Amino acid sequence: MVTKMFNFEKRLLSRNYKDLNIKSIVIPDKGHQTIYPNFIKRYVGDRLTLL
């Protein structure tokens, strides 16, 4: 699944969309059920407090 994600990222970046920003990360030992709360807290929560 990680390989597919990175391939998808490469395909999107190759299209050179002007305002497209992608940052793909892999968090070891996390799955779909456990990553979402951590993602929201770590990557979205900081941005929400700035609004």
N, C-alpha and C. Protein backbone atom coordinates (compact mmCIF):
# COMPACT_ATOMS: atom_id res chain seq x y z
N MET A 1 0.81 -1.19 0.00
CA MET A 1 0.00 0.00 0.00
C MET A 1 0.86 1.26 0.00
N VAL A 2 1.95 1.26 0.71
CA VAL A 2 2.83 2.43 0.76
C VAL A 2 3.41 2.70 -0.62
N THR A 3 3.79 1.65 -1.33
CA THR A 3 4.34 1.81 -2.67
C THR A 3 3.32 2.47 -3.59
N LYS A 4 2.07 2.05 -3.50
CA LYS A 4 1.02 2.64 -4.32
C LYS A 4 0.84 4.12 -3.98
N MET A 5 0.93 4.45 -2.71
CA MET A 5 0.77 5.85 -2.30
C MET A 5 1.88 6.71 -2.92
N PHE A 6 3.11 6.23 -2.84
CA PHE A 6 4.22 7.01 -3.40
C PHE A 6 4.13 7.08 -4.91
N ASN A 7 3.67 6.03 -5.57
CA ASN A 7 3.48 6.08 -7.02
C ASN A 7 2.41 7.10 -7.40
N PHE A 8 1.34 7.13 -6.64
CA PHE A 8 0.28 8.11 -6.87
C PHE A 8 0.81 9.53 -6.69
N GLU A 9 1.60 9.73 -5.65
CA GLU A 9 2.19 11.04 -5.41
C GLU A 9 3.06 11.46 -6.59
N LYS A 10 3.90 10.55 -7.09
CA LYS A 10 4.75 10.86 -8.24
C LYS A 10 3.94 11.24 -9.47
N ARG A 11 2.86 10.49 -9.70
CA ARG A 11 2.01 10.77 -10.87
C ARG A 11 1.39 12.16 -10.76
N LEU A 12 0.91 12.50 -9.59
CA LEU A 12 0.32 13.83 -9.42
C LEU A 12 1.36 14.93 -9.59
N LEU A 13 2.51 14.75 -8.99
CA LEU A 13 3.56 15.77 -9.09
C LEU A 13 4.06 15.93 -10.53
N SER A 14 4.04 14.85 -11.29
CA SER A 14 4.51 14.93 -12.67
C SER A 14 3.61 15.79 -13.55
N ARG A 15 2.40 16.06 -13.09
CA ARG A 15 1.46 16.89 -13.86
C ARG A 15 1.72 18.37 -13.68
N ASN A 16 2.58 18.71 -12.72
CA ASN A 16 3.00 20.10 -12.50
C ASN A 16 1.83 21.07 -12.28
N TYR A 17 0.88 20.64 -11.46
CA TYR A 17 -0.20 21.55 -11.10
C TYR A 17 0.38 22.69 -10.28
N LYS A 18 0.01 23.89 -10.63
CA LYS A 18 0.60 25.09 -10.04
C LYS A 18 0.50 25.14 -8.51
N ASP A 19 -0.66 24.89 -7.97
CA ASP A 19 -0.87 25.04 -6.52
C ASP A 19 -0.93 23.72 -5.76
N LEU A 20 -0.41 22.67 -6.35
CA LEU A 20 -0.44 21.37 -5.68
C LEU A 20 0.76 21.21 -4.76
N ASN A 21 0.48 20.93 -3.51
CA ASN A 21 1.52 20.66 -2.52
C ASN A 21 1.21 19.31 -1.88
N ILE A 22 2.16 18.40 -1.96
CA ILE A 22 1.97 17.07 -1.39
C ILE A 22 3.14 16.74 -0.48
N LYS A 23 2.82 16.18 0.66
CA LYS A 23 3.85 15.67 1.55
C LYS A 23 3.37 14.33 2.07
N SER A 24 3.96 13.27 1.57
CA SER A 24 3.59 11.93 2.01
C SER A 24 4.57 11.45 3.06
N ILE A 25 4.04 10.90 4.11
CA ILE A 25 4.89 10.37 5.17
C ILE A 25 4.41 8.98 5.54
N VAL A 26 5.31 8.18 6.06
CA VAL A 26 4.98 6.85 6.55
C VAL A 26 5.27 6.85 8.05
N ILE A 27 4.29 6.49 8.82
CA ILE A 27 4.47 6.41 10.27
C ILE A 27 4.51 4.94 10.64
N PRO A 28 5.66 4.46 11.05
CA PRO A 28 5.82 3.03 11.35
C PRO A 28 4.88 2.55 12.46
N ASP A 29 4.50 1.32 12.36
CA ASP A 29 3.69 0.65 13.39
C ASP A 29 2.30 1.27 13.58
N LYS A 30 1.79 1.91 12.56
CA LYS A 30 0.44 2.48 12.63
C LYS A 30 -0.37 1.93 11.47
N GLY A 31 -1.65 1.70 11.71
CA GLY A 31 -2.55 1.22 10.68
C GLY A 31 -3.68 2.21 10.48
N HIS A 32 -4.63 1.86 9.63
CA HIS A 32 -5.73 2.76 9.34
C HIS A 32 -6.53 3.15 10.59
N GLN A 33 -6.71 2.22 11.50
CA GLN A 33 -7.51 2.50 12.69
C GLN A 33 -6.78 3.37 13.70
N THR A 34 -5.47 3.28 13.75
CA THR A 34 -4.72 4.01 14.77
C THR A 34 -4.10 5.30 14.26
N ILE A 35 -3.94 5.43 12.96
CA ILE A 35 -3.23 6.61 12.45
C ILE A 35 -4.11 7.85 12.42
N TYR A 36 -5.39 7.69 12.16
CA TYR A 36 -6.24 8.87 11.98
C TYR A 36 -6.26 9.81 13.18
N PRO A 37 -6.50 9.33 14.39
CA PRO A 37 -6.47 10.25 15.54
C PRO A 37 -5.11 10.93 15.72
N ASN A 38 -4.04 10.18 15.51
CA ASN A 38 -2.70 10.77 15.63
C ASN A 38 -2.46 11.80 14.55
N PHE A 39 -2.94 11.53 13.34
CA PHE A 39 -2.77 12.47 12.23
C PHE A 39 -3.49 13.78 12.52
N ILE A 40 -4.73 13.67 12.95
CA ILE A 40 -5.51 14.87 13.24
C ILE A 40 -4.84 15.69 14.33
N LYS A 41 -4.43 15.03 15.37
CA LYS A 41 -3.80 15.74 16.49
C LYS A 41 -2.49 16.40 16.07
N ARG A 42 -1.68 15.67 15.32
CA ARG A 42 -0.34 16.16 15.00
C ARG A 42 -0.28 17.12 13.82
N TYR A 43 -1.03 16.83 12.75
CA TYR A 43 -0.86 17.58 11.51
C TYR A 43 -2.00 18.56 11.22
N VAL A 44 -3.17 18.30 11.71
CA VAL A 44 -4.29 19.19 11.43
C VAL A 44 -4.55 20.11 12.61
N GLY A 45 -4.45 19.59 13.80
CA GLY A 45 -4.73 20.36 15.00
C GLY A 45 -3.93 21.64 15.10
N ASP A 46 -2.66 21.59 14.76
CA ASP A 46 -1.81 22.80 14.82
C ASP A 46 -2.32 23.86 13.87
N ARG A 47 -2.79 23.45 12.70
CA ARG A 47 -3.26 24.41 11.71
C ARG A 47 -4.61 25.01 12.11
N LEU A 48 -5.44 24.23 12.79
CA LEU A 48 -6.73 24.73 13.21
C LEU A 48 -6.61 25.80 14.28
N THR A 49 -5.62 25.69 15.12
CA THR A 49 -5.46 26.67 16.20
C THR A 49 -5.01 28.01 15.65
N LEU A 50 -4.48 28.02 14.44
CA LEU A 50 -4.02 29.27 13.84
C LEU A 50 -5.16 30.07 13.22
N LEU A 51 -6.31 29.44 13.04
CA LEU A 51 -7.45 30.13 12.39
C LEU A 51 -8.12 31.10 13.31
